[in-house]
């Protein structure tokens, strides 16, 4: 199956609640490549690469987030692959 890429923006109480570290662990468990970072507007932005099914699973997880998060909205857009081979937290 061909890999795809998605850009994801998560809003709500998602900074300062270990969202990025949690997402990295989940993405690695699922087998996704990509990155996640905090944005200046208080949201968290992620780039996900992998199978359609794995990305859908990760997006479902991101709609809930880690225990201390309060996710309000998740926006998903198709994007181009960056050819990544691992998942990282960017600063």
PDB file of N, CA and C in Angstrom:
ATOM      1  N   UNK A   1       0.844  -1.188   0.000  1.00  0.00           N
ATOM      2  CA  UNK A   1       0.000   0.000   0.000  1.00  0.00           C
ATOM      3  C   UNK A   1       0.887   1.249   0.000  1.00  0.00           C
ATOM      4  N   UNK A   2       0.473   2.234  -0.746  1.00  0.00           N
ATOM      5  CA  UNK A   2       1.250   3.453  -0.889  1.00  0.00           C
ATOM      6  C   UNK A   2       1.114   4.346   0.346  1.00  0.00           C
ATOM      7  N   UNK A   3       2.232   4.927   0.759  1.00  0.00           N
ATOM      8  CA  UNK A   3       2.198   5.849   1.884  1.00  0.00           C
ATOM      9  C   UNK A   3       1.618   7.189   1.444  1.00  0.00           C
ATOM     10  N   UNK A   4       0.946   7.832   2.387  1.00  0.00           N
ATOM     11  CA  UNK A   4       0.363   9.151   2.171  1.00  0.00           C
ATOM     12  C   UNK A   4       0.865  10.080   3.267  1.00  0.00           C
ATOM     13  N   UNK A   5       0.542  11.366   3.144  1.00  0.00           N
ATOM     14  CA  UNK A   5       0.954  12.339   4.158  1.00  0.00           C
ATOM     15  C   UNK A   5      -0.222  13.242   4.489  1.00  0.00           C
ATOM     16  N   UNK A   6      -0.298  13.633   5.749  1.00  0.00           N
ATOM     17  CA  UNK A   6      -1.342  14.541   6.212  1.00  0.00           C
ATOM     18  C   UNK A   6      -0.721  15.582   7.140  1.00  0.00           C
ATOM     19  N   UNK A   7      -1.239  16.790   7.042  1.00  0.00           N
ATOM     20  CA  UNK A   7      -0.897  17.868   7.960  1.00  0.00           C
ATOM     21  C   UNK A   7      -2.050  17.969   8.946  1.00  0.00           C
ATOM     22  N   UNK A   8      -1.726  18.029  10.238  1.00  0.00           N
ATOM     23  CA  UNK A   8      -2.758  18.031  11.277  1.00  0.00           C
ATOM     24  C   UNK A   8      -2.513  19.200  12.233  1.00  0.00           C
ATOM     25  N   UNK A   9      -3.575  19.946  12.525  1.00  0.00           N
ATOM     26  CA  UNK A   9      -3.506  21.019  13.529  1.00  0.00           C
ATOM     27  C   UNK A   9      -4.513  20.678  14.627  1.00  0.00           C
ATOM     28  N   UNK A  10      -4.020  20.641  15.868  1.00  0.00           N
ATOM     29  CA  UNK A  10      -4.861  20.312  17.017  1.00  0.00           C
ATOM     30  C   UNK A  10      -4.960  21.547  17.899  1.00  0.00           C
ATOM     31  N   UNK A  11      -6.190  21.950  18.215  1.00  0.00           N
ATOM     32  CA  UNK A  11      -6.397  23.111  19.071  1.00  0.00           C
ATOM     33  C   UNK A  11      -7.083  22.697  20.369  1.00  0.00           C
ATOM     34  N   UNK A  12      -6.984  23.564  21.350  1.00  0.00           N
ATOM     35  CA  UNK A  12      -7.524  23.318  22.683  1.00  0.00           C
ATOM     36  C   UNK A  12      -6.402  23.453  23.694  1.00  0.00           C
ATOM     37  N   UNK A  13      -6.526  22.763  24.819  1.00  0.00           N
ATOM     38  CA  UNK A  13      -5.438  22.755  25.807  1.00  0.00           C
ATOM     39  C   UNK A  13      -4.494  21.624  25.400  1.00  0.00           C
ATOM     40  N   UNK A  14      -3.551  21.946  24.512  1.00  0.00           N
ATOM     41  CA  UNK A  14      -2.673  20.931  23.940  1.00  0.00           C
ATOM     42  C   UNK A  14      -1.193  21.250  24.116  1.00  0.00           C
ATOM     43  N   UNK A  15      -0.883  22.402  24.685  1.00  0.00           N
ATOM     44  CA  UNK A  15       0.510  22.715  25.001  1.00  0.00           C
ATOM     45  C   UNK A  15       0.692  22.666  26.514  1.00  0.00           C
ATOM     46  N   UNK A  16       1.855  22.173  26.937  1.00  0.00           N
ATOM     47  CA  UNK A  16       2.134  22.068  28.365  1.00  0.00           C
ATOM     48  C   UNK A  16       1.478  20.870  29.020  1.00  0.00           C
ATOM     49  N   UNK A  17       0.986  19.923  28.223  1.00  0.00           N
ATOM     50  CA  UNK A  17       0.320  18.729  28.755  1.00  0.00           C
ATOM     51  C   UNK A  17       0.948  17.445  28.193  1.00  0.00           C
ATOM     52  N   UNK A  18       2.193  17.559  27.727  1.00  0.00           N
ATOM     53  CA  UNK A  18       2.948  16.424  27.167  1.00  0.00           C
ATOM     54  C   UNK A  18       2.322  15.847  25.894  1.00  0.00           C
ATOM     55  N   UNK A  19       1.584  16.692  25.150  1.00  0.00           N
ATOM     56  CA  UNK A  19       0.936  16.234  23.925  1.00  0.00           C
ATOM     57  C   UNK A  19       1.965  15.750  22.906  1.00  0.00           C
ATOM     58  N   UNK A  20       3.036  16.516  22.718  1.00  0.00           N
ATOM     59  CA  UNK A  20       4.037  16.146  21.710  1.00  0.00           C
ATOM     60  C   UNK A  20       4.736  14.837  22.054  1.00  0.00           C
ATOM     61  N   UNK A  21       5.153  14.669  23.294  1.00  0.00           N
ATOM     62  CA  UNK A  21       5.830  13.427  23.699  1.00  0.00           C
ATOM     63  C   UNK A  21       4.880  12.237  23.580  1.00  0.00           C
ATOM     64  N   UNK A  22       3.639  12.434  23.986  1.00  0.00           N
ATOM     65  CA  UNK A  22       2.626  11.386  23.866  1.00  0.00           C
ATOM     66  C   UNK A  22       2.417  11.013  22.399  1.00  0.00           C
ATOM     67  N   UNK A  23       2.287  12.029  21.544  1.00  0.00           N
ATOM     68  CA  UNK A  23       2.061  11.787  20.120  1.00  0.00           C
ATOM     69  C   UNK A  23       3.244  11.052  19.491  1.00  0.00           C
ATOM     70  N   UNK A  24       4.454  11.397  19.887  1.00  0.00           N
ATOM     71  CA  UNK A  24       5.637  10.711  19.360  1.00  0.00           C
ATOM     72  C   UNK A  24       5.581   9.228  19.720  1.00  0.00           C
ATOM     73  N   UNK A  25       5.275   8.922  20.966  1.00  0.00           N
ATOM     74  CA  UNK A  25       5.175   7.524  21.395  1.00  0.00           C
ATOM     75  C   UNK A  25       4.097   6.777  20.612  1.00  0.00           C
ATOM     76  N   UNK A  26       2.935   7.411  20.450  1.00  0.00           N
ATOM     77  CA  UNK A  26       1.832   6.773  19.715  1.00  0.00           C
ATOM     78  C   UNK A  26       2.203   6.560  18.248  1.00  0.00           C
ATOM     79  N   UNK A  27       2.801   7.569  17.633  1.00  0.00           N
ATOM     80  CA  UNK A  27       3.180   7.467  16.218  1.00  0.00           C
ATOM     81  C   UNK A  27       4.198   6.354  15.999  1.00  0.00           C
ATOM     82  N   UNK A  28       5.157   6.250  16.907  1.00  0.00           N
ATOM     83  CA  UNK A  28       6.168   5.194  16.788  1.00  0.00           C
ATOM     84  C   UNK A  28       5.532   3.819  16.961  1.00  0.00           C
ATOM     85  N   UNK A  29       4.589   3.690  17.866  1.00  0.00           N
ATOM     86  CA  UNK A  29       3.890   2.421  18.079  1.00  0.00           C
ATOM     87  C   UNK A  29       3.114   2.017  16.827  1.00  0.00           C
ATOM     88  N   UNK A  30       2.469   2.985  16.192  1.00  0.00           N
ATOM     89  CA  UNK A  30       1.668   2.731  14.992  1.00  0.00           C
ATOM     90  C   UNK A  30       2.551   2.505  13.767  1.00  0.00           C
ATOM     91  N   UNK A  31       3.759   3.067  13.789  1.00  0.00           N
ATOM     92  CA  UNK A  31       4.666   2.914  12.657  1.00  0.00           C
ATOM     93  C   UNK A  31       4.655   4.084  11.691  1.00  0.00           C
ATOM     94  N   UNK A  32       4.331   5.269  12.198  1.00  0.00           N
ATOM     95  CA  UNK A  32       4.318   6.464  11.362  1.00  0.00           C
ATOM     96  C   UNK A  32       5.639   7.208  11.402  1.00  0.00           C
ATOM     97  N   UNK A  33       5.940   7.901  10.342  1.00  0.00           N
ATOM     98  CA  UNK A  33       7.042   8.861  10.305  1.00  0.00           C
ATOM     99  C   UNK A  33       6.419  10.248  10.336  1.00  0.00           C
ATOM    100  N   UNK A  34       7.245  11.253  10.634  1.00  0.00           N
ATOM    101  CA  UNK A  34       6.760  12.622  10.627  1.00  0.00           C
ATOM    102  C   UNK A  34       7.345  13.445  11.749  1.00  0.00           C
ATOM    103  N   UNK A  35       6.627  14.479  12.116  1.00  0.00           N
ATOM    104  CA  UNK A  35       7.074  15.366  13.188  1.00  0.00           C
ATOM    105  C   UNK A  35       5.873  16.061  13.823  1.00  0.00           C
ATOM    106  N   UNK A  36       6.118  16.636  14.998  1.00  0.00           N
ATOM    107  CA  UNK A  36       5.098  17.408  15.710  1.00  0.00           C
ATOM    108  C   UNK A  36       5.783  18.565  16.414  1.00  0.00           C
ATOM    109  N   UNK A  37       5.103  19.711  16.455  1.00  0.00           N
ATOM    110  CA  UNK A  37       5.669  20.885  17.126  1.00  0.00           C
ATOM    111  C   UNK A  37       4.553  21.764  17.667  1.00  0.00           C
ATOM    112  N   UNK A  38       4.899  22.585  18.659  1.00  0.00           N
ATOM    113  CA  UNK A  38       3.976  23.602  19.151  1.00  0.00           C
ATOM    114  C   UNK A  38       3.962  24.762  18.170  1.00  0.00           C
ATOM    115  N   UNK A  39       2.803  25.385  17.986  1.00  0.00           N
ATOM    116  CA  UNK A  39       2.707  26.566  17.147  1.00  0.00           C
ATOM    117  C   UNK A  39       2.517  27.782  18.047  1.00  0.00           C
ATOM    118  N   UNK A  40       2.863  28.949  17.531  1.00  0.00           N
ATOM    119  CA  UNK A  40       2.782  30.181  18.313  1.00  0.00           C
ATOM    120  C   UNK A  40       1.361  30.510  18.760  1.00  0.00           C
ATOM    121  N   UNK A  41       0.356  30.027  18.030  1.00  0.00           N
ATOM    122  CA  UNK A  41      -1.030  30.345  18.372  1.00  0.00           C
ATOM    123  C   UNK A  41      -1.605  29.445  19.473  1.00  0.00           C
ATOM    124  N   UNK A  42      -0.772  28.559  20.038  1.00  0.00           N
ATOM    125  CA  UNK A  42      -1.229  27.682  21.120  1.00  0.00           C
ATOM    126  C   UNK A  42      -1.663  26.309  20.646  1.00  0.00           C
ATOM    127  N   UNK A  43      -1.676  26.105  19.345  1.00  0.00           N
ATOM    128  CA  UNK A  43      -2.044  24.796  18.805  1.00  0.00           C
ATOM    129  C   UNK A  43      -0.806  23.906  18.683  1.00  0.00           C
ATOM    130  N   UNK A  44      -1.042  22.674  18.307  1.00  0.00           N
ATOM    131  CA  UNK A  44       0.024  21.729  18.005  1.00  0.00           C
ATOM    132  C   UNK A  44      -0.151  21.335  16.539  1.00  0.00           C
ATOM    133  N   UNK A  45       0.954  21.354  15.795  1.00  0.00           N
ATOM    134  CA  UNK A  45       0.928  21.025  14.381  1.00  0.00           C
ATOM    135  C   UNK A  45       1.756  19.760  14.159  1.00  0.00           C
ATOM    136  N   UNK A  46       1.218  18.842  13.362  1.00  0.00           N
ATOM    137  CA  UNK A  46       1.925  17.592  13.084  1.00  0.00           C
ATOM    138  C   UNK A  46       1.934  17.312  11.583  1.00  0.00           C
ATOM    139  N   UNK A  47       2.972  16.620  11.159  1.00  0.00           N
ATOM    140  CA  UNK A  47       3.073  16.104   9.791  1.00  0.00           C
ATOM    141  C   UNK A  47       3.190  14.596   9.935  1.00  0.00           C
ATOM    142  N   UNK A  48       2.231  13.871   9.353  1.00  0.00           N
ATOM    143  CA  UNK A  48       2.181  12.412   9.479  1.00  0.00           C
ATOM    144  C   UNK A  48       2.408  11.767   8.129  1.00  0.00           C
ATOM    145  N   UNK A  49       3.257  10.735   8.094  1.00  0.00           N
ATOM    146  CA  UNK A  49       3.495   9.965   6.881  1.00  0.00           C
ATOM    147  C   UNK A  49       3.378   8.489   7.191  1.00  0.00           C
ATOM    148  N   UNK A  50       2.650   7.774   6.336  1.00  0.00           N
ATOM    149  CA  UNK A  50       2.475   6.342   6.520  1.00  0.00           C
ATOM    150  C   UNK A  50       1.283   5.859   5.729  1.00  0.00           C
ATOM    151  N   UNK A  51       0.780   4.705   6.088  1.00  0.00           N
ATOM    152  CA  UNK A  51      -0.389   4.173   5.391  1.00  0.00           C
ATOM    153  C   UNK A  51      -1.628   4.976   5.771  1.00  0.00           C
ATOM    154  N   UNK A  52      -2.603   4.945   4.891  1.00  0.00           N
ATOM    155  CA  UNK A  52      -3.870   5.635   5.157  1.00  0.00           C
ATOM    156  C   UNK A  52      -4.480   5.156   6.477  1.00  0.00           C
ATOM    157  N   UNK A  53      -4.440   3.833   6.713  1.00  0.00           N
ATOM    158  CA  UNK A  53      -5.029   3.261   7.927  1.00  0.00           C
ATOM    159  C   UNK A  53      -4.281   3.724   9.174  1.00  0.00           C
ATOM    160  N   UNK A  54      -2.952   3.740   9.120  1.00  0.00           N
ATOM    161  CA  UNK A  54      -2.162   4.164  10.276  1.00  0.00           C
ATOM    162  C   UNK A  54      -2.385   5.641  10.578  1.00  0.00           C
ATOM    163  N   UNK A  55      -2.465   6.460   9.549  1.00  0.00           N
ATOM    164  CA  UNK A  55      -2.719   7.884   9.756  1.00  0.00           C
ATOM    165  C   UNK A  55      -4.111   8.096  10.337  1.00  0.00           C
ATOM    166  N   UNK A  56      -5.101   7.376   9.835  1.00  0.00           N
ATOM    167  CA  UNK A  56      -6.464   7.493  10.383  1.00  0.00           C
ATOM    168  C   UNK A  56      -6.485   7.109  11.854  1.00  0.00           C
ATOM    169  N   UNK A  57      -5.754   6.060  12.222  1.00  0.00           N
ATOM    170  CA  UNK A  57      -5.676   5.641  13.628  1.00  0.00           C
ATOM    171  C   UNK A  57      -5.043   6.734  14.484  1.00  0.00           C
ATOM    172  N   UNK A  58      -3.968   7.344  13.989  1.00  0.00           N
ATOM    173  CA  UNK A  58      -3.293   8.403  14.737  1.00  0.00           C
ATOM    174  C   UNK A  58      -4.194   9.622  14.892  1.00  0.00           C
ATOM    175  N   UNK A  59      -4.904   9.984  13.850  1.00  0.00           N
ATOM    176  CA  UNK A  59      -5.807  11.137  13.940  1.00  0.00           C
ATOM    177  C   UNK A  59      -6.906  10.876  14.955  1.00  0.00           C
ATOM    178  N   UNK A  60      -7.432   9.663  14.990  1.00  0.00           N
ATOM    179  CA  UNK A  60      -8.432   9.309  16.010  1.00  0.00           C
ATOM    180  C   UNK A  60      -7.851   9.472  17.412  1.00  0.00           C
ATOM    181  N   UNK A  61      -6.622   9.027  17.610  1.00  0.00           N
ATOM    182  CA  UNK A  61      -5.972   9.181  18.912  1.00  0.00           C
ATOM    183  C   UNK A  61      -5.771  10.657  19.256  1.00  0.00           C
ATOM    184  N   UNK A  62      -5.388  11.451  18.262  1.00  0.00           N
ATOM    185  CA  UNK A  62      -5.144  12.873  18.493  1.00  0.00           C
ATOM    186  C   UNK A  62      -6.427  13.621  18.834  1.00  0.00           C
ATOM    187  N   UNK A  63      -7.566  13.119  18.428  1.00  0.00           N
ATOM    188  CA  UNK A  63      -8.841  13.750  18.783  1.00  0.00           C
ATOM    189  C   UNK A  63      -9.105  13.649  20.290  1.00  0.00           C
ATOM    190  N   UNK A  64      -8.507  12.662  20.931  1.00  0.00           N
ATOM    191  CA  UNK A  64      -8.624  12.483  22.388  1.00  0.00           C
ATOM    192  C   UNK A  64      -7.430  13.106  23.102  1.00  0.00           C
ATOM    193  N   UNK A  65      -6.225  12.800  22.629  1.00  0.00           N
ATOM    194  CA  UNK A  65      -5.003  13.326  23.237  1.00  0.00           C
ATOM    195  C   UNK A  65      -4.651  12.606  24.523  1.00  0.00           C
ATOM    196  N   UNK A  66      -3.566  13.041  25.143  1.00  0.00           N
ATOM    197  CA  UNK A  66      -3.155  12.456  26.428  1.00  0.00           C
ATOM    198  C   UNK A  66      -4.100  12.891  27.541  1.00  0.00           C
ATOM    199  N   UNK A  67      -3.993  12.271  28.717  1.00  0.00           N
ATOM    200  CA  UNK A  67      -4.946  12.522  29.807  1.00  0.00           C
ATOM    201  C   UNK A  67      -5.150  13.990  30.198  1.00  0.00           C
ATOM    202  N   UNK A  68      -4.099  14.808  30.206  1.00  0.00           N
ATOM    203  CA  UNK A  68      -4.234  16.193  30.660  1.00  0.00           C
ATOM    204  C   UNK A  68      -4.654  17.167  29.563  1.00  0.00           C
ATOM    205  N   UNK A  69      -4.748  16.695  28.332  1.00  0.00           N
ATOM    206  CA  UNK A  69      -5.142  17.565  27.223  1.00  0.00           C
ATOM    207  C   UNK A  69      -6.663  17.727  27.169  1.00  0.00           C
ATOM    208  N   UNK A  70      -7.082  18.805  26.532  1.00  0.00           N
ATOM    209  CA  UNK A  70      -8.500  19.037  26.245  1.00  0.00           C
ATOM    210  C   UNK A  70      -8.591  19.469  24.783  1.00  0.00           C
ATOM    211  N   UNK A  71      -8.701  18.497  23.901  1.00  0.00           N
ATOM    212  CA  UNK A  71      -8.719  18.769  22.467  1.00  0.00           C
ATOM    213  C   UNK A  71     -10.069  19.369  22.079  1.00  0.00           C
ATOM    214  N   UNK A  72     -10.020  20.504  21.387  1.00  0.00           N
ATOM    215  CA  UNK A  72     -11.236  21.158  20.911  1.00  0.00           C
ATOM    216  C   UNK A  72     -11.499  20.852  19.447  1.00  0.00           C
ATOM    217  N   UNK A  73     -10.449  20.835  18.628  1.00  0.00           N
ATOM    218  CA  UNK A  73     -10.635  20.643  17.198  1.00  0.00           C
ATOM    219  C   UNK A  73      -9.381  20.024  16.583  1.00  0.00           C
ATOM    220  N   UNK A  74      -9.600  19.214  15.545  1.00  0.00           N
ATOM    221  CA  UNK A  74      -8.500  18.616  14.787  1.00  0.00           C
ATOM    222  C   UNK A  74      -8.771  18.881  13.315  1.00  0.00           C
ATOM    223  N   UNK A  75      -7.875  19.640  12.687  1.00  0.00           N
ATOM    224  CA  UNK A  75      -7.987  19.935  11.257  1.00  0.00           C
ATOM    225  C   UNK A  75      -6.975  19.075  10.511  1.00  0.00           C
ATOM    226  N   UNK A  76      -7.412  18.440   9.436  1.00  0.00           N
ATOM    227  CA  UNK A  76      -6.559  17.544   8.668  1.00  0.00           C
ATOM    228  C   UNK A  76      -6.566  17.971   7.210  1.00  0.00           C
ATOM    229  N   UNK A  77      -5.388  18.054   6.615  1.00  0.00           N
ATOM    230  CA  UNK A  77      -5.259  18.377   5.196  1.00  0.00           C
ATOM    231  C   UNK A  77      -4.284  17.412   4.546  1.00  0.00           C
ATOM    232  N   UNK A  78      -4.549  17.079   3.297  1.00  0.00           N
ATOM    233  CA  UNK A  78      -3.579  16.300   2.534  1.00  0.00           C
ATOM    234  C   UNK A  78      -2.366  17.171   2.278  1.00  0.00           C
ATOM    235  N   UNK A  79      -1.198  16.563   2.253  1.00  0.00           N
ATOM    236  CA  UNK A  79       0.039  17.296   1.994  1.00  0.00           C
ATOM    237  C   UNK A  79       1.017  16.368   1.286  1.00  0.00           C
ATOM    238  N   UNK A  80       2.128  16.911   0.885  1.00  0.00           N
ATOM    239  CA  UNK A  80       3.153  16.116   0.212  1.00  0.00           C
ATOM    240  C   UNK A  80       4.044  15.424   1.229  1.00  0.00           C
ATOM    241  N   UNK A  81       4.499  14.250   0.873  1.00  0.00           N
ATOM    242  CA  UNK A  81       5.432  13.518   1.722  1.00  0.00           C
ATOM    243  C   UNK A  81       6.778  14.234   1.750  1.00  0.00           C
ATOM    244  N   UNK A  82       7.423  14.195   2.903  1.00  0.00           N
ATOM    245  CA  UNK A  82       8.773  14.737   3.040  1.00  0.00           C
ATOM    246  C   UNK A  82       9.807  13.616   2.991  1.00  0.00           C
ATOM    247  N   UNK A  83       9.348  12.374   2.816  1.00  0.00           N
ATOM    248  CA  UNK A  83      10.263  11.240   2.733  1.00  0.00           C
ATOM    249  C   UNK A  83      10.959  10.917   4.044  1.00  0.00           C
ATOM    250  N   UNK A  84      10.271  11.118   5.147  1.00  0.00           N
ATOM    251  CA  UNK A  84      10.867  10.901   6.466  1.00  0.00           C
ATOM    252  C   UNK A  84      10.866   9.422   6.831  1.00  0.00           C
ATOM    253  N   UNK A  85      11.807   9.043   7.701  1.00  0.00           N
ATOM    254  CA  UNK A  85      11.897   7.638   8.107  1.00  0.00           C
ATOM    255  C   UNK A  85      11.742   7.438   9.607  1.00  0.00           C
ATOM    256  N   UNK A  86      11.406   8.512  10.336  1.00  0.00           N
ATOM    257  CA  UNK A  86      11.179   8.419  11.779  1.00  0.00           C
ATOM    258  C   UNK A  86      10.248   9.541  12.210  1.00  0.00           C
ATOM    259  N   UNK A  87       9.829   9.507  13.466  1.00  0.00           N
ATOM    260  CA  UNK A  87       8.942  10.547  13.991  1.00  0.00           C
ATOM    261  C   UNK A  87       9.717  11.331  15.041  1.00  0.00           C
ATOM    262  N   UNK A  88       9.641  12.647  14.962  1.00  0.00           N
ATOM    263  CA  UNK A  88      10.403  13.487  15.912  1.00  0.00           C
ATOM    264  C   UNK A  88       9.580  14.651  16.439  1.00  0.00           C
ATOM    265  N   UNK A  89       9.966  15.118  17.611  1.00  0.00           N
ATOM    266  CA  UNK A  89       9.413  16.325  18.190  1.00  0.00           C
ATOM    267  C   UNK A  89      10.304  17.477  17.745  1.00  0.00           C
ATOM    268  N   UNK A  90       9.705  18.459  17.137  1.00  0.00           N
ATOM    269  CA  UNK A  90      10.466  19.641  16.680  1.00  0.00           C
ATOM    270  C   UNK A  90      10.182  20.803  17.606  1.00  0.00           C
ATOM    271  N   UNK A  91      11.195  21.666  17.737  1.00  0.00           N
ATOM    272  CA  UNK A  91      11.075  22.836  18.623  1.00  0.00           C
ATOM    273  C   UNK A  91      11.190  24.113  17.831  1.00  0.00           C
TER     274      UNK A  91
END
